[in-house]
Amino acid sequence: MAKTSHGTGRAARLAGAVAVLGLLTACGSGDDTAGAERTVSGGATTATATPSDTGPTDTGPSARTATPGTDSGDSTAPAATGTADTPATARARCHTSELRASVGRENPGAGQENFPIVLTNASSRTCTVRGYPGAAFLDASGKQLGPDPKRSSGTPETVTLTPGKSAWAGLSFANPEVSGARAATPATLVVTPPDERDPLKVTWRAGEVPVSGNESSVRLIPFSPGTGA
């Protein structure tokens, strides 16, 4: 498949993040000055899922407890207080019910599998996302496959989404055929927006993912404007 210049840039960013920390809890940044607010353009063009997705039902606690959004970076802690949790910020933040999730086109490189996780504002108001998504792979019975993804280094920025616009976060892992990690094929990717606790479900159509053994870590980079295409 031919790659666009945007796809090449996305792959380079993902590969760079993985190189820093080696090769998904939802987390917003507690530092509201880390990135400049930006208004994005472009909408998601990939298959989508909403909270009422008819995909596999989460029958256990793993997906929900593994991916609540916090400002502290601790996936099991309650939402942090302070400036990041003020009423004004809470009103500005995009809530799960206002978003549509999708997984964009794969852009592989150097033994890596790289995907954009895309959140699109499906509401009639302007809202923001900032930080990392929560993510977990589930099998057809709703059981989580593999450990929670890890966050790669990155500087979160506040991405402003007008109605219909999108932000993307990178998901990356070593190709199991190359790394030798034990692999499984998920039925669903659960995505939790930053600072939210209710997840969105996306049907996973990209084949096997690493779940244990060497080079089995799945990595995330924070949200940027656009769809990552």
C-alpha atoms as a PDB file:
ATOM      1  CA  MET A   1       0.000   0.000   0.000  1.00  0.00           C
ATOM      2  CA  ALA A   2       1.453   3.399  -0.962  1.00  0.00           C
ATOM      3  CA  LYS A   3       2.193   5.711   1.948  1.00  0.00           C
ATOM      4  CA  THR A   4       1.401   9.430   1.928  1.00  0.00           C
ATOM      5  CA  SER A   5       3.799  11.979   3.324  1.00  0.00           C
ATOM      6  CA  HIS A   6       1.462  12.359   6.329  1.00  0.00           C
ATOM      7  CA  GLY A   7       1.607   8.586   6.893  1.00  0.00           C
ATOM      8  CA  THR A   8       5.397   8.710   6.769  1.00  0.00           C
ATOM      9  CA  GLY A   9       5.433  11.480   9.355  1.00  0.00           C
ATOM     10  CA  ARG A  10       3.106   9.553  11.637  1.00  0.00           C
ATOM     11  CA  ALA A  11       5.229   6.414  11.383  1.00  0.00           C
ATOM     12  CA  ALA A  12       8.349   8.410  12.196  1.00  0.00           C
ATOM     13  CA  ARG A  13       6.693   9.936  15.256  1.00  0.00           C
ATOM     14  CA  LEU A  14       5.525   6.560  16.509  1.00  0.00           C
ATOM     15  CA  ALA A  15       8.891   4.936  15.888  1.00  0.00           C
ATOM     16  CA  GLY A  16      10.645   7.792  17.653  1.00  0.00           C
ATOM     17  CA  ALA A  17       8.461   7.425  20.738  1.00  0.00           C
ATOM     18  CA  VAL A  18       9.127   3.707  20.907  1.00  0.00           C
ATOM     19  CA  ALA A  19      12.865   4.223  20.498  1.00  0.00           C
ATOM     20  CA  VAL A  20      12.984   6.510  23.528  1.00  0.00           C
ATOM     21  CA  LEU A  21      11.380   4.063  25.956  1.00  0.00           C
ATOM     22  CA  GLY A  22      11.935   0.695  24.337  1.00  0.00           C
ATOM     23  CA  LEU A  23       8.955  -0.967  22.989  1.00  0.00           C
ATOM     24  CA  LEU A  24      -3.064   2.051  27.554  1.00  0.00           C
ATOM     25  CA  THR A  25      -4.407   3.704  30.667  1.00  0.00           C
ATOM     26  CA  ALA A  26      -6.438   6.836  29.925  1.00  0.00           C
ATOM     27  CA  CYS A  27      -4.623   9.860  31.197  1.00  0.00           C
ATOM     28  CA  GLY A  28      -4.801  13.567  30.680  1.00  0.00           C
ATOM     29  CA  SER A  29      -1.810  15.689  31.499  1.00  0.00           C
ATOM     30  CA  GLY A  30      -1.839  17.461  34.821  1.00  0.00           C
ATOM     31  CA  ASP A  31       0.186  20.295  33.249  1.00  0.00           C
ATOM     32  CA  ASP A  32      -2.219  22.500  31.360  1.00  0.00           C
ATOM     33  CA  THR A  33       0.663  24.591  30.006  1.00  0.00           C
ATOM     34  CA  ALA A  34       2.460  21.723  28.288  1.00  0.00           C
ATOM     35  CA  GLY A  35       0.988  22.361  24.852  1.00  0.00           C
ATOM     36  CA  ALA A  36      -0.671  25.177  22.948  1.00  0.00           C
ATOM     37  CA  GLU A  37      -4.383  24.900  22.224  1.00  0.00           C
ATOM     38  CA  ARG A  38      -5.075  24.167  18.590  1.00  0.00           C
ATOM     39  CA  THR A  39      -8.160  23.823  16.416  1.00  0.00           C
ATOM     40  CA  VAL A  40      -8.035  20.839  14.125  1.00  0.00           C
ATOM     41  CA  SER A  41      -9.337  20.098  10.698  1.00  0.00           C
ATOM     42  CA  GLY A  42     -10.359  16.889   9.052  1.00  0.00           C
ATOM     43  CA  GLY A  43     -12.667  14.130  10.219  1.00  0.00           C
ATOM     44  CA  ALA A  44     -12.238  10.442  10.823  1.00  0.00           C
ATOM     45  CA  THR A  45     -12.753   8.355   7.726  1.00  0.00           C
ATOM     46  CA  THR A  46     -12.367   4.907   9.217  1.00  0.00           C
ATOM     47  CA  ALA A  47     -14.822   2.387  10.672  1.00  0.00           C
ATOM     48  CA  THR A  48     -16.329   3.769  13.857  1.00  0.00           C
ATOM     49  CA  ALA A  49     -17.813   2.613  17.127  1.00  0.00           C
ATOM     50  CA  THR A  50     -19.896   4.289  19.809  1.00  0.00           C
ATOM     51  CA  PRO A  51     -20.847   3.372  23.399  1.00  0.00           C
ATOM     52  CA  SER A  52     -23.788   1.446  21.927  1.00  0.00           C
ATOM     53  CA  ASP A  53     -21.565  -0.530  19.560  1.00  0.00           C
ATOM     54  CA  THR A  54     -23.022  -3.942  18.933  1.00  0.00           C
ATOM     55  CA  GLY A  55     -19.601  -5.577  19.266  1.00  0.00           C
ATOM     56  CA  PRO A  56     -18.632  -7.961  22.094  1.00  0.00           C
ATOM     57  CA  THR A  57     -19.981  -6.962  25.486  1.00  0.00           C
ATOM     58  CA  ASP A  58     -17.525  -6.403  28.301  1.00  0.00           C
ATOM     59  CA  THR A  59     -18.412  -9.214  30.661  1.00  0.00           C
ATOM     60  CA  GLY A  60     -15.691  -8.564  33.190  1.00  0.00           C
ATOM     61  CA  PRO A  61     -14.085  -5.680  35.008  1.00  0.00           C
ATOM     62  CA  SER A  62     -10.789  -5.678  33.158  1.00  0.00           C
ATOM     63  CA  ALA A  63     -11.578  -3.231  30.354  1.00  0.00           C
ATOM     64  CA  ARG A  64     -13.259  -0.686  32.597  1.00  0.00           C
ATOM     65  CA  THR A  65     -10.849  -0.866  35.522  1.00  0.00           C
ATOM     66  CA  ALA A  66      -7.776  -0.890  33.315  1.00  0.00           C
ATOM     67  CA  THR A  67      -8.629   2.325  31.515  1.00  0.00           C
ATOM     68  CA  PRO A  68     -10.274   4.989  33.707  1.00  0.00           C
ATOM     69  CA  GLY A  69      -9.105   8.523  32.959  1.00  0.00           C
ATOM     70  CA  THR A  70      -7.144  10.398  35.583  1.00  0.00           C
ATOM     71  CA  ASP A  71      -4.941  13.447  35.735  1.00  0.00           C
ATOM     72  CA  SER A  72      -2.386  11.777  38.014  1.00  0.00           C
ATOM     73  CA  GLY A  73      -1.154   9.074  35.655  1.00  0.00           C
ATOM     74  CA  ASP A  74      -2.412   6.365  38.025  1.00  0.00           C
ATOM     75  CA  SER A  75      -4.995   4.287  36.207  1.00  0.00           C
ATOM     76  CA  THR A  76      -6.663   3.206  39.443  1.00  0.00           C
ATOM     77  CA  ALA A  77      -6.813   6.585  41.164  1.00  0.00           C
ATOM     78  CA  PRO A  78      -9.850   8.881  41.263  1.00  0.00           C
ATOM     79  CA  ALA A  79      -9.783  11.954  39.072  1.00  0.00           C
ATOM     80  CA  ALA A  80      -7.354  14.528  40.388  1.00  0.00           C
ATOM     81  CA  THR A  81      -8.526  17.823  41.816  1.00  0.00           C
ATOM     82  CA  GLY A  82      -7.123  21.281  41.143  1.00  0.00           C
ATOM     83  CA  THR A  83      -6.932  23.313  37.977  1.00  0.00           C
ATOM     84  CA  ALA A  84      -7.167  20.292  35.693  1.00  0.00           C
ATOM     85  CA  ASP A  85     -10.491  19.327  37.273  1.00  0.00           C
ATOM     86  CA  THR A  86     -12.162  22.729  37.625  1.00  0.00           C
ATOM     87  CA  PRO A  87     -15.804  23.096  36.501  1.00  0.00           C
ATOM     88  CA  ALA A  88     -14.740  25.171  33.485  1.00  0.00           C
ATOM     89  CA  THR A  89     -12.266  22.516  32.377  1.00  0.00           C
ATOM     90  CA  ALA A  90     -14.797  19.758  32.938  1.00  0.00           C
ATOM     91  CA  ARG A  91     -17.292  21.586  30.746  1.00  0.00           C
ATOM     92  CA  ALA A  92     -14.714  22.095  27.999  1.00  0.00           C
ATOM     93  CA  ARG A  93     -13.521  18.485  28.012  1.00  0.00           C
ATOM     94  CA  CYS A  94     -14.996  16.067  25.478  1.00  0.00           C
ATOM     95  CA  HIS A  95     -17.037  13.411  27.249  1.00  0.00           C
ATOM     96  CA  THR A  96     -17.342   9.817  26.064  1.00  0.00           C
ATOM     97  CA  SER A  97     -20.975  10.290  25.029  1.00  0.00           C
ATOM     98  CA  GLU A  98     -19.910  13.088  22.673  1.00  0.00           C
ATOM     99  CA  LEU A  99     -17.206  11.132  20.862  1.00  0.00           C
ATOM    100  CA  ARG A 100     -16.930   8.487  18.172  1.00  0.00           C
ATOM    101  CA  ALA A 101     -13.893   6.184  18.148  1.00  0.00           C
ATOM    102  CA  SER A 102     -12.155   4.503  15.235  1.00  0.00           C
ATOM    103  CA  VAL A 103      -8.834   2.913  14.308  1.00  0.00           C
ATOM    104  CA  GLY A 104      -7.139   4.327  11.241  1.00  0.00           C
ATOM    105  CA  ARG A 105      -5.073   2.645   8.561  1.00  0.00           C
ATOM    106  CA  GLU A 106      -1.979   0.758   9.654  1.00  0.00           C
ATOM    107  CA  ASN A 107       1.369   2.260   8.744  1.00  0.00           C
ATOM    108  CA  PRO A 108       4.002  -0.425   9.447  1.00  0.00           C
ATOM    109  CA  GLY A 109       7.730   0.125   9.533  1.00  0.00           C
ATOM    110  CA  ALA A 110      10.920  -1.604  10.710  1.00  0.00           C
ATOM    111  CA  GLY A 111       9.091  -4.482  12.366  1.00  0.00           C
ATOM    112  CA  GLN A 112       6.611  -2.132  14.003  1.00  0.00           C
ATOM    113  CA  GLU A 113       2.836  -2.038  13.646  1.00  0.00           C
ATOM    114  CA  ASN A 114       1.519   1.521  13.978  1.00  0.00           C
ATOM    115  CA  PHE A 115      -2.119   2.608  14.152  1.00  0.00           C
ATOM    116  CA  PRO A 116      -3.886   5.906  14.874  1.00  0.00           C
ATOM    117  CA  ILE A 117      -6.644   5.763  17.486  1.00  0.00           C
ATOM    118  CA  VAL A 118      -9.043   8.474  16.316  1.00  0.00           C
ATOM    119  CA  LEU A 119     -11.619  10.321  18.406  1.00  0.00           C
ATOM    120  CA  THR A 120     -14.154  12.440  16.507  1.00  0.00           C
ATOM    121  CA  ASN A 121     -16.440  15.028  18.059  1.00  0.00           C
ATOM    122  CA  ALA A 122     -19.947  13.749  17.322  1.00  0.00           C
ATOM    123  CA  SER A 123     -21.675  16.426  19.425  1.00  0.00           C
ATOM    124  CA  SER A 124     -22.971  19.875  18.525  1.00  0.00           C
ATOM    125  CA  ARG A 125     -20.562  21.733  20.843  1.00  0.00           C
ATOM    126  CA  THR A 126     -16.841  22.447  20.751  1.00  0.00           C
ATOM    127  CA  CYS A 127     -14.809  20.456  23.295  1.00  0.00           C
ATOM    128  CA  THR A 128     -11.220  19.433  23.973  1.00  0.00           C
ATOM    129  CA  VAL A 129      -9.073  16.335  24.466  1.00  0.00           C
ATOM    130  CA  ARG A 130      -5.633  16.280  26.074  1.00  0.00           C
ATOM    131  CA  GLY A 131      -3.220  13.485  26.913  1.00  0.00           C
ATOM    132  CA  TYR A 132      -3.340   9.736  26.350  1.00  0.00           C
ATOM    133  CA  PRO A 133      -6.288   7.441  25.676  1.00  0.00           C
ATOM    134  CA  GLY A 134      -6.929   4.340  27.708  1.00  0.00           C
ATOM    135  CA  ALA A 135      -6.890   1.182  25.634  1.00  0.00           C
ATOM    136  CA  ALA A 136      -7.284  -2.570  26.040  1.00  0.00           C
ATOM    137  CA  PHE A 137      -7.629  -5.479  23.659  1.00  0.00           C
ATOM    138  CA  LEU A 138     -10.538  -7.849  24.366  1.00  0.00           C
ATOM    139  CA  ASP A 139     -11.356 -11.308  23.051  1.00  0.00           C
ATOM    140  CA  ALA A 140     -14.832 -12.319  21.890  1.00  0.00           C
ATOM    141  CA  SER A 141     -15.915 -13.092  25.463  1.00  0.00           C
ATOM    142  CA  GLY A 142     -14.851  -9.653  26.724  1.00  0.00           C
ATOM    143  CA  LYS A 143     -11.681 -10.850  28.473  1.00  0.00           C
ATOM    144  CA  GLN A 144      -8.653  -8.565  28.259  1.00  0.00           C
ATOM    145  CA  LEU A 145      -5.745  -9.855  26.177  1.00  0.00           C
ATOM    146  CA  GLY A 146      -2.322  -8.904  27.433  1.00  0.00           C
ATOM    147  CA  PRO A 147      -1.339  -6.207  29.921  1.00  0.00           C
ATOM    148  CA  ASP A 148      -2.429  -2.580  29.791  1.00  0.00           C
ATOM    149  CA  PRO A 149      -0.547  -0.583  27.149  1.00  0.00           C
ATOM    150  CA  LYS A 150       2.239   1.741  28.275  1.00  0.00           C
ATOM    151  CA  ARG A 151       2.670   5.426  27.556  1.00  0.00           C
ATOM    152  CA  SER A 152       5.609   6.542  25.457  1.00  0.00           C
ATOM    153  CA  SER A 153       7.196   9.909  26.087  1.00  0.00           C
ATOM    154  CA  GLY A 154       5.489  12.886  24.540  1.00  0.00           C
ATOM    155  CA  THR A 155       4.321  16.393  25.316  1.00  0.00           C
ATOM    156  CA  PRO A 156       0.524  16.445  25.584  1.00  0.00           C
ATOM    157  CA  GLU A 157      -1.262  19.321  23.929  1.00  0.00           C
ATOM    158  CA  THR A 158      -4.841  20.502  24.261  1.00  0.00           C
ATOM    159  CA  VAL A 159      -6.627  19.672  21.016  1.00  0.00           C
ATOM    160  CA  THR A 160      -9.803  21.656  20.396  1.00  0.00           C
ATOM    161  CA  LEU A 161     -12.450  19.754  18.469  1.00  0.00           C
ATOM    162  CA  THR A 162     -15.229  21.652  16.786  1.00  0.00           C
ATOM    163  CA  PRO A 163     -18.202  19.444  15.803  1.00  0.00           C
ATOM    164  CA  GLY A 164     -17.110  16.771  13.331  1.00  0.00           C
ATOM    165  CA  LYS A 165     -13.366  17.244  13.845  1.00  0.00           C
ATOM    166  CA  SER A 166     -10.877  14.649  15.098  1.00  0.00           C
ATOM    167  CA  ALA A 167      -7.781  13.982  17.172  1.00  0.00           C
ATOM    168  CA  TRP A 168      -5.532  10.931  16.989  1.00  0.00           C
ATOM    169  CA  ALA A 169      -3.228   9.093  19.388  1.00  0.00           C
ATOM    170  CA  GLY A 170      -0.642   6.565  18.229  1.00  0.00           C
ATOM    171  CA  LEU A 171      -0.779   2.871  19.147  1.00  0.00           C
ATOM    172  CA  SER A 172       2.353   0.867  18.367  1.00  0.00           C
ATOM    173  CA  PHE A 173       3.734  -2.619  18.961  1.00  0.00           C
ATOM    174  CA  ALA A 174       6.360  -4.953  17.559  1.00  0.00           C
ATOM    175  CA  ASN A 175       5.113  -7.354  14.916  1.00  0.00           C
ATOM    176  CA  PRO A 176       4.771 -10.702  16.764  1.00  0.00           C
ATOM    177  CA  GLU A 177       6.161 -12.594  13.784  1.00  0.00           C
ATOM    178  CA  VAL A 178       9.339 -10.543  14.045  1.00  0.00           C
ATOM    179  CA  SER A 179       9.627 -10.290  17.842  1.00  0.00           C
ATOM    180  CA  GLY A 180       8.593 -13.849  18.684  1.00  0.00           C
ATOM    181  CA  ALA A 181       6.118 -12.671  21.324  1.00  0.00           C
ATOM    182  CA  ARG A 182       3.088 -14.831  22.071  1.00  0.00           C
ATOM    183  CA  ALA A 183       0.181 -13.396  20.074  1.00  0.00           C
ATOM    184  CA  ALA A 184      -3.612 -13.445  20.033  1.00  0.00           C
ATOM    185  CA  THR A 185      -6.249 -11.928  17.782  1.00  0.00           C
ATOM    186  CA  PRO A 186      -8.559  -9.484  19.591  1.00  0.00           C
ATOM    187  CA  ALA A 187     -12.208  -9.013  18.746  1.00  0.00           C
ATOM    188  CA  THR A 188     -12.383  -5.482  20.146  1.00  0.00           C
ATOM    189  CA  LEU A 189     -10.229  -2.525  21.084  1.00  0.00           C
ATOM    190  CA  VAL A 190     -11.641  -0.622  24.051  1.00  0.00           C
ATOM    191  CA  VAL A 191     -10.791   3.090  23.982  1.00  0.00           C
ATOM    192  CA  THR A 192     -11.351   5.438  26.931  1.00  0.00           C
ATOM    193  CA  PRO A 193     -11.028   9.179  26.217  1.00  0.00           C
ATOM    194  CA  PRO A 194      -8.704  11.217  28.447  1.00  0.00           C
ATOM    195  CA  ASP A 195     -10.116  11.959  31.915  1.00  0.00           C
ATOM    196  CA  GLU A 196     -13.193   9.807  31.230  1.00  0.00           C
ATOM    197  CA  ARG A 197     -14.236   6.456  32.689  1.00  0.00           C
ATOM    198  CA  ASP A 198     -16.798   5.228  30.159  1.00  0.00           C
ATOM    199  CA  PRO A 199     -15.154   3.445  27.208  1.00  0.00           C
ATOM    200  CA  LEU A 200     -15.897   3.215  23.517  1.00  0.00           C
ATOM    201  CA  LYS A 201     -15.542  -0.070  21.630  1.00  0.00           C
ATOM    202  CA  VAL A 202     -14.057  -0.506  18.175  1.00  0.00           C
ATOM    203  CA  THR A 203     -14.066  -3.778  16.237  1.00  0.00           C
ATOM    204  CA  TRP A 204     -10.427  -4.839  15.783  1.00  0.00           C
ATOM    205  CA  ARG A 205      -9.713  -5.934  12.202  1.00  0.00           C
ATOM    206  CA  ALA A 206      -5.919  -5.742  12.128  1.00  0.00           C
ATOM    207  CA  GLY A 207      -5.001  -9.286  13.136  1.00  0.00           C
ATOM    208  CA  GLU A 208      -2.711 -10.536  15.883  1.00  0.00           C
ATOM    209  CA  VAL A 209      -1.251  -8.443  18.685  1.00  0.00           C
ATOM    210  CA  PRO A 210       1.469  -9.395  21.206  1.00  0.00           C
ATOM    211  CA  VAL A 211       0.106 -10.485  24.585  1.00  0.00           C
ATOM    212  CA  SER A 212       3.123 -11.919  26.460  1.00  0.00           C
ATOM    213  CA  GLY A 213       6.812 -12.699  26.187  1.00  0.00           C
ATOM    214  CA  ASN A 214       9.641 -10.657  24.758  1.00  0.00           C
ATOM    215  CA  GLU A 215       8.755  -7.429  22.975  1.00  0.00           C
ATOM    216  CA  SER A 216       5.100  -7.751  23.970  1.00  0.00           C
ATOM    217  CA  SER A 217       4.570  -4.158  25.128  1.00  0.00           C
ATOM    218  CA  VAL A 218       1.977  -2.034  23.389  1.00  0.00           C
ATOM    219  CA  ARG A 219       2.774   1.691  23.443  1.00  0.00           C
ATOM    220  CA  LEU A 220       0.719   4.883  23.137  1.00  0.00           C
ATOM    221  CA  ILE A 221       1.584   8.463  22.261  1.00  0.00           C
ATOM    222  CA  PRO A 222      -0.658  11.414  23.214  1.00  0.00           C
ATOM    223  CA  PHE A 223      -3.370  12.988  21.081  1.00  0.00           C
ATOM    224  CA  SER A 224      -2.552  15.325  18.209  1.00  0.00           C
ATOM    225  CA  PRO A 225      -4.871  17.173  15.806  1.00  0.00           C
ATOM    226  CA  GLY A 226      -6.314  15.332  12.819  1.00  0.00           C
ATOM    227  CA  THR A 227      -6.836  11.680  11.971  1.00  0.00           C
ATOM    228  CA  GLY A 228      -3.213  10.524  11.638  1.00  0.00           C
ATOM    229  CA  ALA A 229      -3.801   9.622   7.984  1.00  0.00           C
END
